[in-house]
Amino acid sequence: MAGATGLVGTQLLALLLADKRYAAVHCVGRRAPSVRHAKLHAHSVNLSAFDAPEQLAKLGLPPLDDVYIALGTTIKVAGSHAAFRAVDFYAVTATARAGRAWGASNLGVVSAMGANAASRIFYNRVKGEMEAELLQLGYAHSVIARPSFIEGHRAALGQAGRSGEGLALVAMRFLKPLLPANYRSVAATQVARALHAQVPSGNVGVQLMLSGALHKY
């Protein structure tokens, strides 16, 4: 798993650790999760660096079944377009590629509504390019979650607030009945539960979960 200290990742990690189907959960990232558990194995890797593939290859993890990726930032937080791409494209694809090398056949990743490799909007284009790259890796089952704005307590995780996102979430609470399901905000717990339910489900092929579908979890 990558992104275990983030908004969705913390929720997802708790589900994986409680799941008796998993004998071990290996987390990769710059920071180790704050939780402690007998099944949890944390590995220090700077996934946003361009040598991330080499760092991952040196970990020598045992054969894996499933890979979960909940990485993501914003251009404002990252500081530049290049820094944003380093996380939302390179770090995600490097982790997924390493997972395949370790034998994983199922992949779950958090993307975003509007992801489109042909988009004129940089954020959406990078997300779309990331999705397209993942689908070339040969996973038997790929679950791509495309949430709209994600609700959760970033401050509790030591994350900087996202002013634009905060204003959008407030507006969505008032307009929720009028908005199409795919553009309503969704709780981080719902995104996590959706991936946890669908990645090890035994399905095959590509499963695209738009934000509206995530609300049922």
N, C-alpha and C. Protein backbone atom coordinates (compact mmCIF):
# COMPACT_ATOMS: atom_id res chain seq x y z
N MET A 1 0.84 -1.19 0.00
CA MET A 1 0.00 0.00 0.00
C MET A 1 0.88 1.24 0.00
N ALA A 2 0.47 2.23 -0.77
CA ALA A 2 1.13 3.53 -0.78
C ALA A 2 0.09 4.59 -0.46
N GLY A 3 0.48 5.58 0.35
CA GLY A 3 -0.45 6.62 0.73
C GLY A 3 -1.19 6.33 2.02
N ALA A 4 -0.60 5.51 2.89
CA ALA A 4 -1.28 5.06 4.10
C ALA A 4 -1.45 6.15 5.15
N THR A 5 -0.77 7.29 4.99
CA THR A 5 -0.89 8.36 5.98
C THR A 5 -1.82 9.48 5.53
N GLY A 6 -2.47 9.31 4.38
CA GLY A 6 -3.34 10.33 3.83
C GLY A 6 -4.78 10.19 4.29
N LEU A 7 -5.63 11.04 3.72
CA LEU A 7 -7.03 11.11 4.14
C LEU A 7 -7.76 9.79 3.89
N VAL A 8 -7.66 9.28 2.68
CA VAL A 8 -8.27 7.98 2.37
C VAL A 8 -7.40 6.85 2.90
N GLY A 9 -6.08 7.01 2.80
CA GLY A 9 -5.17 5.94 3.16
C GLY A 9 -5.27 5.49 4.60
N THR A 10 -5.45 6.42 5.54
CA THR A 10 -5.56 6.03 6.95
C THR A 10 -6.80 5.16 7.19
N GLN A 11 -7.89 5.51 6.50
CA GLN A 11 -9.12 4.71 6.63
C GLN A 11 -8.94 3.34 5.99
N LEU A 12 -8.30 3.32 4.84
CA LEU A 12 -8.10 2.07 4.13
C LEU A 12 -7.16 1.14 4.89
N LEU A 13 -6.09 1.70 5.44
CA LEU A 13 -5.14 0.89 6.20
C LEU A 13 -5.83 0.19 7.36
N ALA A 14 -6.69 0.88 8.07
CA ALA A 14 -7.41 0.29 9.20
C ALA A 14 -8.24 -0.91 8.75
N LEU A 15 -8.88 -0.79 7.58
CA LEU A 15 -9.68 -1.89 7.06
C LEU A 15 -8.81 -3.09 6.68
N LEU A 16 -7.67 -2.82 6.08
CA LEU A 16 -6.78 -3.91 5.66
C LEU A 16 -6.19 -4.64 6.85
N LEU A 17 -5.83 -3.90 7.89
CA LEU A 17 -5.26 -4.53 9.08
C LEU A 17 -6.28 -5.39 9.81
N ALA A 18 -7.55 -5.00 9.72
CA ALA A 18 -8.60 -5.76 10.39
C ALA A 18 -9.10 -6.94 9.56
N ASP A 19 -8.69 -7.00 8.31
CA ASP A 19 -9.17 -8.02 7.38
C ASP A 19 -8.35 -9.31 7.56
N LYS A 20 -9.02 -10.38 7.96
CA LYS A 20 -8.34 -11.65 8.23
C LYS A 20 -7.82 -12.31 6.96
N ARG A 21 -8.25 -11.84 5.80
CA ARG A 21 -7.74 -12.41 4.54
C ARG A 21 -6.28 -12.03 4.30
N TYR A 22 -5.83 -10.94 4.93
CA TYR A 22 -4.47 -10.47 4.72
C TYR A 22 -3.58 -10.89 5.88
N ALA A 23 -2.53 -11.63 5.57
CA ALA A 23 -1.57 -12.05 6.60
C ALA A 23 -0.60 -10.94 6.94
N ALA A 24 -0.35 -10.05 5.98
CA ALA A 24 0.58 -8.95 6.19
C ALA A 24 0.18 -7.78 5.30
N VAL A 25 0.48 -6.57 5.78
CA VAL A 25 0.24 -5.36 5.00
C VAL A 25 1.56 -4.59 4.96
N HIS A 26 2.09 -4.39 3.77
CA HIS A 26 3.34 -3.66 3.58
C HIS A 26 3.03 -2.25 3.08
N CYS A 27 3.46 -1.24 3.83
CA CYS A 27 3.24 0.15 3.44
C CYS A 27 4.55 0.78 3.01
N VAL A 28 4.52 1.50 1.90
CA VAL A 28 5.70 2.20 1.41
C VAL A 28 5.42 3.70 1.38
N GLY A 29 6.41 4.49 1.77
CA GLY A 29 6.25 5.93 1.77
C GLY A 29 7.31 6.61 2.60
N ARG A 30 7.31 7.93 2.55
CA ARG A 30 8.31 8.69 3.30
C ARG A 30 8.08 8.63 4.79
N ARG A 31 6.79 8.56 5.19
CA ARG A 31 6.46 8.50 6.62
C ARG A 31 5.78 7.18 6.95
N ALA A 32 6.14 6.61 8.08
CA ALA A 32 5.48 5.39 8.53
C ALA A 32 4.12 5.75 9.12
N PRO A 33 3.13 4.90 8.98
CA PRO A 33 1.83 5.15 9.62
C PRO A 33 2.00 5.27 11.13
N SER A 34 1.13 6.03 11.76
CA SER A 34 1.23 6.23 13.20
C SER A 34 0.73 5.03 13.99
N VAL A 35 -0.03 4.16 13.36
CA VAL A 35 -0.56 2.99 14.06
C VAL A 35 0.51 1.91 14.16
N ARG A 36 0.32 1.01 15.11
CA ARG A 36 1.20 -0.14 15.27
C ARG A 36 0.34 -1.40 15.23
N HIS A 37 0.78 -2.38 14.51
CA HIS A 37 0.00 -3.62 14.36
C HIS A 37 0.95 -4.75 13.98
N ALA A 38 0.67 -5.95 14.46
CA ALA A 38 1.54 -7.10 14.19
C ALA A 38 1.65 -7.39 12.70
N LYS A 39 0.61 -7.07 11.92
CA LYS A 39 0.62 -7.36 10.48
C LYS A 39 1.27 -6.26 9.65
N LEU A 40 1.51 -5.11 10.26
CA LEU A 40 1.97 -3.95 9.51
C LEU A 40 3.48 -3.92 9.38
N HIS A 41 3.94 -3.74 8.14
CA HIS A 41 5.37 -3.62 7.85
C HIS A 41 5.55 -2.32 7.06
N ALA A 42 6.25 -1.35 7.65
CA ALA A 42 6.45 -0.04 7.01
C ALA A 42 7.84 0.03 6.39
N HIS A 43 7.91 0.54 5.16
CA HIS A 43 9.16 0.64 4.42
C HIS A 43 9.35 2.09 3.99
N SER A 44 10.50 2.66 4.33
CA SER A 44 10.77 4.07 4.03
C SER A 44 11.26 4.22 2.60
N VAL A 45 10.46 4.91 1.78
CA VAL A 45 10.79 5.14 0.37
C VAL A 45 10.25 6.51 -0.02
N ASN A 46 11.07 7.30 -0.72
CA ASN A 46 10.60 8.59 -1.24
C ASN A 46 10.00 8.35 -2.62
N LEU A 47 8.71 8.06 -2.63
CA LEU A 47 8.05 7.68 -3.89
C LEU A 47 8.00 8.80 -4.90
N SER A 48 8.09 10.05 -4.45
CA SER A 48 7.98 11.16 -5.40
C SER A 48 9.32 11.48 -6.07
N ALA A 49 10.38 10.79 -5.67
CA ALA A 49 11.68 10.99 -6.31
C ALA A 49 11.73 10.19 -7.61
N PHE A 50 12.55 10.65 -8.55
CA PHE A 50 12.62 9.99 -9.84
C PHE A 50 13.31 8.63 -9.77
N ASP A 51 13.99 8.36 -8.64
CA ASP A 51 14.61 7.04 -8.49
C ASP A 51 13.72 6.10 -7.69
N ALA A 52 12.43 6.44 -7.58
CA ALA A 52 11.49 5.59 -6.83
C ALA A 52 11.48 4.14 -7.31
N PRO A 53 11.49 3.87 -8.63
CA PRO A 53 11.50 2.47 -9.06
C PRO A 53 12.69 1.69 -8.51
N GLU A 54 13.86 2.33 -8.48
CA GLU A 54 15.05 1.65 -7.95
C GLU A 54 14.91 1.43 -6.45
N GLN A 55 14.36 2.42 -5.74
CA GLN A 55 14.16 2.27 -4.30
C GLN A 55 13.21 1.12 -4.00
N LEU A 56 12.14 1.04 -4.75
CA LEU A 56 11.15 -0.02 -4.53
C LEU A 56 11.75 -1.40 -4.83
N ALA A 57 12.54 -1.48 -5.89
CA ALA A 57 13.11 -2.77 -6.28
C ALA A 57 14.03 -3.32 -5.18
N LYS A 58 14.66 -2.43 -4.42
CA LYS A 58 15.59 -2.85 -3.38
C LYS A 58 14.89 -3.36 -2.12
N LEU A 59 13.59 -3.16 -2.01
CA LEU A 59 12.88 -3.57 -0.80
C LEU A 59 12.81 -5.09 -0.66
N GLY A 60 12.76 -5.80 -1.78
CA GLY A 60 12.70 -7.25 -1.73
C GLY A 60 11.50 -7.79 -1.00
N LEU A 61 10.31 -7.26 -1.31
CA LEU A 61 9.10 -7.71 -0.63
C LEU A 61 8.73 -9.14 -1.05
N PRO A 62 7.99 -9.84 -0.20
CA PRO A 62 7.52 -11.19 -0.56
C PRO A 62 6.45 -11.10 -1.64
N PRO A 63 6.04 -12.22 -2.23
CA PRO A 63 4.96 -12.19 -3.23
C PRO A 63 3.71 -11.54 -2.66
N LEU A 64 3.09 -10.68 -3.47
CA LEU A 64 1.91 -9.94 -3.04
C LEU A 64 0.67 -10.41 -3.79
N ASP A 65 -0.49 -10.12 -3.21
CA ASP A 65 -1.77 -10.41 -3.86
C ASP A 65 -2.40 -9.13 -4.42
N ASP A 66 -2.49 -8.11 -3.57
CA ASP A 66 -3.21 -6.90 -3.93
C ASP A 66 -2.36 -5.66 -3.68
N VAL A 67 -2.56 -4.64 -4.49
CA VAL A 67 -1.87 -3.36 -4.33
C VAL A 67 -2.92 -2.25 -4.21
N TYR A 68 -2.76 -1.41 -3.20
CA TYR A 68 -3.65 -0.27 -2.97
C TYR A 68 -2.82 1.01 -3.02
N ILE A 69 -3.28 1.99 -3.78
CA ILE A 69 -2.55 3.25 -3.91
C ILE A 69 -3.51 4.41 -3.65
N ALA A 70 -3.23 5.16 -2.59
CA ALA A 70 -4.06 6.31 -2.22
C ALA A 70 -3.21 7.56 -2.15
N LEU A 71 -2.36 7.73 -3.14
CA LEU A 71 -1.47 8.90 -3.21
C LEU A 71 -2.16 10.04 -3.95
N GLY A 72 -1.85 11.24 -3.53
CA GLY A 72 -2.41 12.40 -4.25
C GLY A 72 -2.08 13.69 -3.54
N THR A 73 -1.90 14.76 -4.31
CA THR A 73 -1.65 16.07 -3.74
C THR A 73 -2.38 17.10 -4.61
N THR A 74 -2.07 18.35 -4.43
CA THR A 74 -2.59 19.42 -5.30
C THR A 74 -1.40 20.21 -5.82
N ILE A 75 -1.61 20.96 -6.87
CA ILE A 75 -0.53 21.75 -7.43
C ILE A 75 -0.06 22.79 -6.40
N LYS A 76 -1.01 23.36 -5.65
CA LYS A 76 -0.66 24.36 -4.64
C LYS A 76 0.21 23.75 -3.55
N VAL A 77 -0.19 22.58 -3.04
CA VAL A 77 0.57 21.93 -1.98
C VAL A 77 1.92 21.44 -2.50
N ALA A 78 1.92 20.87 -3.70
CA ALA A 78 3.17 20.35 -4.27
C ALA A 78 4.16 21.46 -4.57
N GLY A 79 3.65 22.62 -5.02
CA GLY A 79 4.52 23.76 -5.27
C GLY A 79 4.80 24.04 -6.73
N SER A 80 4.58 23.08 -7.60
CA SER A 80 4.81 23.28 -9.03
C SER A 80 4.13 22.17 -9.80
N HIS A 81 4.00 22.36 -11.11
CA HIS A 81 3.42 21.32 -11.95
C HIS A 81 4.29 20.07 -11.93
N ALA A 82 5.61 20.27 -11.97
CA ALA A 82 6.53 19.12 -11.98
C ALA A 82 6.43 18.32 -10.69
N ALA A 83 6.34 19.02 -9.55
CA ALA A 83 6.24 18.34 -8.26
C ALA A 83 4.92 17.60 -8.13
N PHE A 84 3.85 18.19 -8.68
CA PHE A 84 2.55 17.51 -8.67
C PHE A 84 2.61 16.24 -9.49
N ARG A 85 3.20 16.30 -10.69
CA ARG A 85 3.31 15.12 -11.55
C ARG A 85 4.17 14.04 -10.88
N ALA A 86 5.19 14.47 -10.13
CA ALA A 86 6.06 13.50 -9.46
C ALA A 86 5.29 12.60 -8.51
N VAL A 87 4.27 13.16 -7.87
CA VAL A 87 3.45 12.38 -6.93
C VAL A 87 2.32 11.66 -7.66
N ASP A 88 1.50 12.44 -8.38
CA ASP A 88 0.25 11.91 -8.91
C ASP A 88 0.41 11.07 -10.17
N PHE A 89 1.56 11.13 -10.79
CA PHE A 89 1.82 10.24 -11.93
C PHE A 89 2.96 9.28 -11.61
N TYR A 90 4.16 9.81 -11.38
CA TYR A 90 5.34 8.94 -11.25
C TYR A 90 5.28 8.04 -10.01
N ALA A 91 4.90 8.60 -8.87
CA ALA A 91 4.86 7.79 -7.65
C ALA A 91 3.79 6.71 -7.75
N VAL A 92 2.64 7.05 -8.30
CA VAL A 92 1.56 6.07 -8.44
C VAL A 92 1.96 4.96 -9.40
N THR A 93 2.45 5.30 -10.56
CA THR A 93 2.78 4.28 -11.56
C THR A 93 3.99 3.44 -11.12
N ALA A 94 4.94 4.05 -10.43
CA ALA A 94 6.09 3.28 -9.95
C ALA A 94 5.66 2.24 -8.93
N THR A 95 4.75 2.61 -8.04
CA THR A 95 4.25 1.67 -7.04
C THR A 95 3.49 0.53 -7.71
N ALA A 96 2.63 0.87 -8.66
CA ALA A 96 1.85 -0.15 -9.34
C ALA A 96 2.74 -1.10 -10.14
N ARG A 97 3.76 -0.56 -10.77
CA ARG A 97 4.68 -1.39 -11.56
C ARG A 97 5.45 -2.35 -10.64
N ALA A 98 5.87 -1.84 -9.48
CA ALA A 98 6.57 -2.69 -8.52
C ALA A 98 5.66 -3.80 -8.00
N GLY A 99 4.40 -3.46 -7.78
CA GLY A 99 3.45 -4.46 -7.32
C GLY A 99 3.31 -5.62 -8.29
N ARG A 100 3.26 -5.30 -9.56
CA ARG A 100 3.19 -6.36 -10.57
C ARG A 100 4.45 -7.22 -10.55
N ALA A 101 5.60 -6.58 -10.36
CA ALA A 101 6.86 -7.33 -10.30
C ALA A 101 6.88 -8.29 -9.12
N TRP A 102 6.17 -7.94 -8.05
CA TRP A 102 6.10 -8.81 -6.88
C TRP A 102 4.93 -9.78 -6.96
N GLY A 103 4.27 -9.87 -8.08
CA GLY A 103 3.26 -10.89 -8.30
C GLY A 103 1.82 -10.51 -8.05
N ALA A 104 1.55 -9.26 -7.69
CA ALA A 104 0.17 -8.85 -7.42
C ALA A 104 -0.68 -8.92 -8.68
N SER A 105 -1.92 -9.33 -8.52
CA SER A 105 -2.83 -9.42 -9.67
C SER A 105 -4.01 -8.45 -9.56
N ASN A 106 -4.19 -7.83 -8.40
CA ASN A 106 -5.30 -6.90 -8.19
C ASN A 106 -4.77 -5.54 -7.77
N LEU A 107 -5.36 -4.49 -8.34
CA LEU A 107 -4.90 -3.12 -8.07
C LEU A 107 -6.09 -2.23 -7.76
N GLY A 108 -5.93 -1.40 -6.73
CA GLY A 108 -6.92 -0.38 -6.42
C GLY A 108 -6.24 0.96 -6.29
N VAL A 109 -6.75 1.99 -6.94
CA VAL A 109 -6.10 3.30 -6.91
C VAL A 109 -7.14 4.41 -6.80
N VAL A 110 -6.78 5.46 -6.08
CA VAL A 110 -7.63 6.64 -5.97
C VAL A 110 -7.21 7.63 -7.05
N SER A 111 -8.14 7.95 -7.95
CA SER A 111 -7.90 8.93 -9.00
C SER A 111 -8.78 10.15 -8.69
N ALA A 112 -9.49 10.68 -9.65
CA ALA A 112 -10.34 11.85 -9.40
C ALA A 112 -11.37 11.99 -10.51
N MET A 113 -12.53 12.54 -10.15
CA MET A 113 -13.53 12.87 -11.16
C MET A 113 -12.90 13.84 -12.16
N GLY A 114 -13.20 13.62 -13.43
CA GLY A 114 -12.66 14.49 -14.46
C GLY A 114 -11.36 14.01 -15.06
N ALA A 115 -10.82 12.89 -14.56
CA ALA A 115 -9.57 12.36 -15.11
C ALA A 115 -9.73 12.09 -16.60
N ASN A 116 -8.83 12.66 -17.39
CA ASN A 116 -8.93 12.55 -18.84
C ASN A 116 -7.58 12.91 -19.44
N ALA A 117 -6.94 11.94 -20.07
CA ALA A 117 -5.61 12.17 -20.63
C ALA A 117 -5.60 13.24 -21.72
N ALA A 118 -6.76 13.54 -22.29
CA ALA A 118 -6.83 14.55 -23.35
C ALA A 118 -7.32 15.91 -22.84
N SER A 119 -7.51 16.04 -21.53
CA SER A 119 -8.05 17.27 -20.97
C SER A 119 -7.07 18.44 -21.12
N ARG A 120 -7.61 19.64 -21.27
CA ARG A 120 -6.78 20.85 -21.30
C ARG A 120 -6.43 21.30 -19.88
N ILE A 121 -7.11 20.73 -18.90
CA ILE A 121 -6.84 21.06 -17.50
C ILE A 121 -5.71 20.16 -17.00
N PHE A 122 -4.63 20.75 -16.53
CA PHE A 122 -3.43 20.00 -16.18
C PHE A 122 -3.74 18.90 -15.15
N TYR A 123 -4.44 19.24 -14.09
CA TYR A 123 -4.76 18.27 -13.03
C TYR A 123 -5.48 17.05 -13.60
N ASN A 124 -6.53 17.30 -14.37
CA ASN A 124 -7.31 16.20 -14.95
C ASN A 124 -6.48 15.40 -15.95
N ARG A 125 -5.62 16.09 -16.70
CA ARG A 125 -4.80 15.40 -17.70
C ARG A 125 -3.81 14.44 -17.04
N VAL A 126 -3.16 14.89 -15.98
CA VAL A 126 -2.20 14.03 -15.28
C VAL A 126 -2.91 12.80 -14.69
N LYS A 127 -4.08 13.02 -14.11
CA LYS A 127 -4.83 11.89 -13.56
C LYS A 127 -5.20 10.91 -14.67
N GLY A 128 -5.61 11.41 -15.82
CA GLY A 128 -5.96 10.55 -16.94
C GLY A 128 -4.76 9.80 -17.48
N GLU A 129 -3.63 10.48 -17.57
CA GLU A 129 -2.40 9.82 -18.05
C GLU A 129 -1.97 8.73 -17.08
N MET A 130 -2.13 9.00 -15.79
CA MET A 130 -1.81 7.99 -14.77
C MET A 130 -2.69 6.76 -14.94
N GLU A 131 -3.99 6.95 -15.12
CA GLU A 131 -4.90 5.82 -15.29
C GLU A 131 -4.52 5.00 -16.53
N ALA A 132 -4.23 5.68 -17.62
CA ALA A 132 -3.88 4.99 -18.86
C ALA A 132 -2.61 4.16 -18.69
N GLU A 133 -1.65 4.69 -17.96
CA GLU A 133 -0.40 3.97 -17.71
C GLU A 133 -0.66 2.71 -16.89
N LEU A 134 -1.49 2.83 -15.88
CA LEU A 134 -1.78 1.68 -15.01
C LEU A 134 -2.43 0.54 -15.79
N LEU A 135 -3.26 0.87 -16.74
CA LEU A 135 -3.98 -0.15 -17.48
C LEU A 135 -3.09 -0.90 -18.46
N GLN A 136 -1.85 -0.47 -18.61
CA GLN A 136 -0.90 -1.17 -19.47
C GLN A 136 -0.04 -2.17 -18.69
N LEU A 137 -0.24 -2.27 -17.39
CA LEU A 137 0.65 -3.06 -16.55
C LEU A 137 0.26 -4.53 -16.43
N GLY A 138 -0.93 -4.88 -16.88
CA GLY A 138 -1.30 -6.29 -16.90
C GLY A 138 -1.94 -6.84 -15.65
N TYR A 139 -2.51 -5.98 -14.80
CA TYR A 139 -3.25 -6.48 -13.64
C TYR A 139 -4.50 -7.20 -14.12
N ALA A 140 -4.83 -8.32 -13.48
CA ALA A 140 -6.04 -9.05 -13.83
C ALA A 140 -7.28 -8.24 -13.48
N HIS A 141 -7.20 -7.48 -12.40
CA HIS A 141 -8.34 -6.69 -11.94
C HIS A 141 -7.83 -5.33 -11.46
N SER A 142 -8.32 -4.27 -12.07
CA SER A 142 -7.94 -2.91 -11.69
C SER A 142 -9.18 -2.13 -11.29
N VAL A 143 -9.18 -1.60 -10.08
CA VAL A 143 -10.29 -0.78 -9.58
C VAL A 143 -9.80 0.66 -9.49
N ILE A 144 -10.43 1.53 -10.26
CA ILE A 144 -10.06 2.95 -10.25
C ILE A 144 -11.23 3.74 -9.65
N ALA A 145 -10.98 4.33 -8.49
CA ALA A 145 -12.00 5.15 -7.82
C ALA A 145 -11.80 6.60 -8.24
N ARG A 146 -12.87 7.22 -8.70
CA ARG A 146 -12.82 8.63 -9.11
C ARG A 146 -13.73 9.47 -8.21
N PRO A 147 -13.28 9.79 -7.02
CA PRO A 147 -14.11 10.61 -6.13
C PRO A 147 -14.16 12.07 -6.58
N SER A 148 -15.24 12.73 -6.19
CA SER A 148 -15.32 14.18 -6.31
C SER A 148 -14.54 14.74 -5.11
N PHE A 149 -14.91 15.88 -4.58
CA PHE A 149 -14.23 16.41 -3.39
C PHE A 149 -14.37 15.42 -2.24
N ILE A 150 -13.28 15.18 -1.53
CA ILE A 150 -13.26 14.18 -0.47
C ILE A 150 -13.38 14.87 0.89
N GLU A 151 -14.35 14.42 1.68
CA GLU A 151 -14.55 14.97 3.02
C GLU A 151 -13.72 14.20 4.04
N GLY A 152 -13.12 14.92 4.97
CA GLY A 152 -12.34 14.29 6.03
C GLY A 152 -11.60 15.36 6.82
N HIS A 153 -10.94 14.94 7.88
CA HIS A 153 -10.26 15.87 8.76
C HIS A 153 -8.76 15.86 8.47
N ARG A 154 -8.34 16.71 7.55
CA ARG A 154 -6.92 16.78 7.18
C ARG A 154 -6.06 17.28 8.33
N ALA A 155 -6.57 18.22 9.11
CA ALA A 155 -5.78 18.78 10.20
C ALA A 155 -5.37 17.71 11.20
N ALA A 156 -6.25 16.74 11.44
CA ALA A 156 -5.95 15.66 12.39
C ALA A 156 -4.80 14.80 11.91
N LEU A 157 -4.52 14.86 10.60
CA LEU A 157 -3.43 14.07 10.03
C LEU A 157 -2.17 14.91 9.84
N GLY A 158 -2.24 16.15 10.28
CA GLY A 158 -1.09 17.03 10.12
C GLY A 158 -0.94 17.57 8.72
N GLN A 159 -2.02 17.55 7.94
CA GLN A 159 -1.98 18.03 6.57
C GLN A 159 -2.45 19.48 6.49
N ALA A 160 -1.86 20.22 5.58
CA ALA A 160 -2.28 21.61 5.38
C ALA A 160 -3.69 21.66 4.82
N GLY A 161 -4.44 22.64 5.24
CA GLY A 161 -5.78 22.81 4.70
C GLY A 161 -5.76 23.21 3.24
N ARG A 162 -6.81 22.86 2.51
CA ARG A 162 -6.92 23.22 1.10
C ARG A 162 -8.10 24.17 0.98
N SER A 163 -7.80 25.48 0.91
CA SER A 163 -8.84 26.50 0.99
C SER A 163 -9.89 26.34 -0.09
N GLY A 164 -9.48 26.12 -1.32
CA GLY A 164 -10.45 25.97 -2.40
C GLY A 164 -11.35 24.77 -2.19
N GLU A 165 -10.75 23.69 -1.73
CA GLU A 165 -11.52 22.48 -1.47
C GLU A 165 -12.51 22.71 -0.33
N GLY A 166 -12.06 23.43 0.70
CA GLY A 166 -12.93 23.69 1.84
C GLY A 166 -14.16 24.49 1.43
N LEU A 167 -13.97 25.52 0.62
CA LEU A 167 -15.10 26.34 0.15
C LEU A 167 -16.05 25.51 -0.70
N ALA A 168 -15.48 24.64 -1.53
CA ALA A 168 -16.32 23.80 -2.38
C ALA A 168 -17.16 22.84 -1.55
N LEU A 169 -16.57 22.28 -0.49
CA LEU A 169 -17.30 21.35 0.36
C LEU A 169 -18.45 22.03 1.08
N VAL A 170 -18.22 23.27 1.54
CA VAL A 170 -19.29 24.02 2.20
C VAL A 170 -20.43 24.27 1.22
N ALA A 171 -20.09 24.69 0.01
CA ALA A 171 -21.11 24.95 -1.01
C ALA A 171 -21.88 23.67 -1.34
N MET A 172 -21.16 22.55 -1.42
CA MET A 172 -21.80 21.29 -1.77
C MET A 172 -22.81 20.84 -0.71
N ARG A 173 -22.54 21.14 0.54
CA ARG A 173 -23.48 20.74 1.60
C ARG A 173 -24.83 21.42 1.42
N PHE A 174 -24.81 22.67 0.94
CA PHE A 174 -26.06 23.40 0.72
C PHE A 174 -26.73 22.97 -0.58
N LEU A 175 -25.91 22.66 -1.59
CA LEU A 175 -26.45 22.36 -2.92
C LEU A 175 -26.61 20.87 -3.18
N LYS A 176 -26.26 20.04 -2.21
CA LYS A 176 -26.22 18.59 -2.41
C LYS A 176 -27.45 18.01 -3.10
N PRO A 177 -28.66 18.39 -2.67
CA PRO A 177 -29.86 17.82 -3.32
C PRO A 177 -29.96 18.15 -4.81
N LEU A 178 -29.31 19.24 -5.23
CA LEU A 178 -29.43 19.69 -6.60
C LEU A 178 -28.32 19.17 -7.50
N LEU A 179 -27.25 18.66 -6.91
CA LEU A 179 -26.09 18.23 -7.68
C LEU A 179 -26.24 16.80 -8.20
N PRO A 180 -25.74 16.50 -9.39
CA PRO A 180 -25.68 15.11 -9.85
C PRO A 180 -24.83 14.30 -8.88
N ALA A 181 -25.14 13.03 -8.72
CA ALA A 181 -24.47 12.18 -7.73
C ALA A 181 -22.95 12.18 -7.89
N ASN A 182 -22.48 12.21 -9.14
CA ASN A 182 -21.04 12.13 -9.37
C ASN A 182 -20.27 13.37 -8.93
N TYR A 183 -20.98 14.47 -8.68
CA TYR A 183 -20.30 15.71 -8.31
C TYR A 183 -20.56 16.11 -6.87
N ARG A 184 -21.24 15.26 -6.12
CA ARG A 184 -21.40 15.50 -4.70
C ARG A 184 -20.13 15.06 -3.97
N SER A 185 -19.83 15.73 -2.87
CA SER A 185 -18.67 15.34 -2.09
C SER A 185 -18.88 13.94 -1.52
N VAL A 186 -17.78 13.25 -1.25
CA VAL A 186 -17.83 11.88 -0.75
C VAL A 186 -16.87 11.76 0.42
N ALA A 187 -17.24 10.99 1.42
CA ALA A 187 -16.40 10.84 2.61
C ALA A 187 -15.20 9.95 2.31
N ALA A 188 -14.08 10.27 2.93
CA ALA A 188 -12.88 9.45 2.76
C ALA A 188 -13.16 8.00 3.16
N THR A 189 -13.98 7.81 4.18
CA THR A 189 -14.31 6.44 4.62
C THR A 189 -15.04 5.67 3.52
N GLN A 190 -15.87 6.35 2.75
CA GLN A 190 -16.60 5.68 1.67
C GLN A 190 -15.67 5.25 0.54
N VAL A 191 -14.71 6.09 0.21
CA VAL A 191 -13.73 5.73 -0.82
C VAL A 191 -12.92 4.52 -0.36
N ALA A 192 -12.50 4.55 0.89
CA ALA A 192 -11.71 3.45 1.44
C ALA A 192 -12.50 2.14 1.45
N ARG A 193 -13.76 2.22 1.88
CA ARG A 193 -14.58 1.00 1.94
C ARG A 193 -14.84 0.43 0.56
N ALA A 194 -15.00 1.30 -0.42
CA ALA A 194 -15.24 0.84 -1.79
C ALA A 194 -14.04 0.05 -2.31
N LEU A 195 -12.84 0.58 -2.13
CA LEU A 195 -11.64 -0.12 -2.60
C LEU A 195 -11.45 -1.42 -1.85
N HIS A 196 -11.65 -1.38 -0.54
CA HIS A 196 -11.49 -2.60 0.27
C HIS A 196 -12.46 -3.69 -0.15
N ALA A 197 -13.66 -3.28 -0.55
CA ALA A 197 -14.67 -4.25 -0.95
C ALA A 197 -14.41 -4.83 -2.34
N GLN A 198 -13.92 -4.00 -3.25
CA GLN A 198 -13.87 -4.41 -4.66
C GLN A 198 -12.53 -4.97 -5.12
N VAL A 199 -11.42 -4.51 -4.56
CA VAL A 199 -10.11 -4.99 -5.04
C VAL A 199 -9.96 -6.49 -4.89
N PRO A 200 -10.25 -7.09 -3.72
CA PRO A 200 -10.09 -8.53 -3.58
C PRO A 200 -11.36 -9.33 -3.88
N SER A 201 -12.24 -8.77 -4.69
CA SER A 201 -13.57 -9.37 -4.90
C SER A 201 -13.55 -10.59 -5.80
N GLY A 202 -12.46 -10.81 -6.53
CA GLY A 202 -12.42 -11.92 -7.47
C GLY A 202 -12.88 -11.54 -8.87
N ASN A 203 -13.25 -10.28 -9.07
CA ASN A 203 -13.64 -9.82 -10.39
C ASN A 203 -12.41 -9.72 -11.29
N VAL A 204 -12.65 -9.60 -12.58
CA VAL A 204 -11.56 -9.41 -13.53
C VAL A 204 -11.87 -8.21 -14.41
N GLY A 205 -10.83 -7.66 -15.03
CA GLY A 205 -11.01 -6.52 -15.91
C GLY A 205 -10.86 -5.21 -15.18
N VAL A 206 -11.30 -4.13 -15.82
CA VAL A 206 -11.18 -2.78 -15.27
C VAL A 206 -12.52 -2.36 -14.68
N GLN A 207 -12.49 -1.92 -13.44
CA GLN A 207 -13.69 -1.47 -12.75
C GLN A 207 -13.54 0.01 -12.41
N LEU A 208 -14.27 0.84 -13.12
CA LEU A 208 -14.21 2.28 -12.90
C LEU A 208 -15.36 2.69 -11.99
N MET A 209 -15.03 3.25 -10.82
CA MET A 209 -16.03 3.62 -9.84
C MET A 209 -16.10 5.14 -9.75
N LEU A 210 -17.12 5.72 -10.37
CA LEU A 210 -17.33 7.15 -10.31
C LEU A 210 -17.83 7.54 -8.93
N SER A 211 -17.75 8.83 -8.64
CA SER A 211 -18.04 9.30 -7.29
C SER A 211 -19.44 8.91 -6.81
N GLY A 212 -20.40 8.94 -7.70
CA GLY A 212 -21.76 8.57 -7.30
C GLY A 212 -21.86 7.16 -6.79
N ALA A 213 -21.09 6.25 -7.39
CA ALA A 213 -21.10 4.85 -6.97
C ALA A 213 -20.45 4.66 -5.61
N LEU A 214 -19.55 5.56 -5.25
CA LEU A 214 -18.85 5.43 -3.97
C LEU A 214 -19.73 5.73 -2.78
N HIS A 215 -20.83 6.46 -3.00
CA HIS A 215 -21.68 6.86 -1.89
C HIS A 215 -22.38 5.70 -1.22
N LYS A 216 -22.50 4.57 -1.86
CA LYS A 216 -23.22 3.43 -1.27
C LYS A 216 -22.37 2.67 -0.27
N TYR A 217 -21.10 3.01 -0.14
CA TYR A 217 -20.21 2.27 0.76
C TYR A 217 -20.08 2.98 2.11
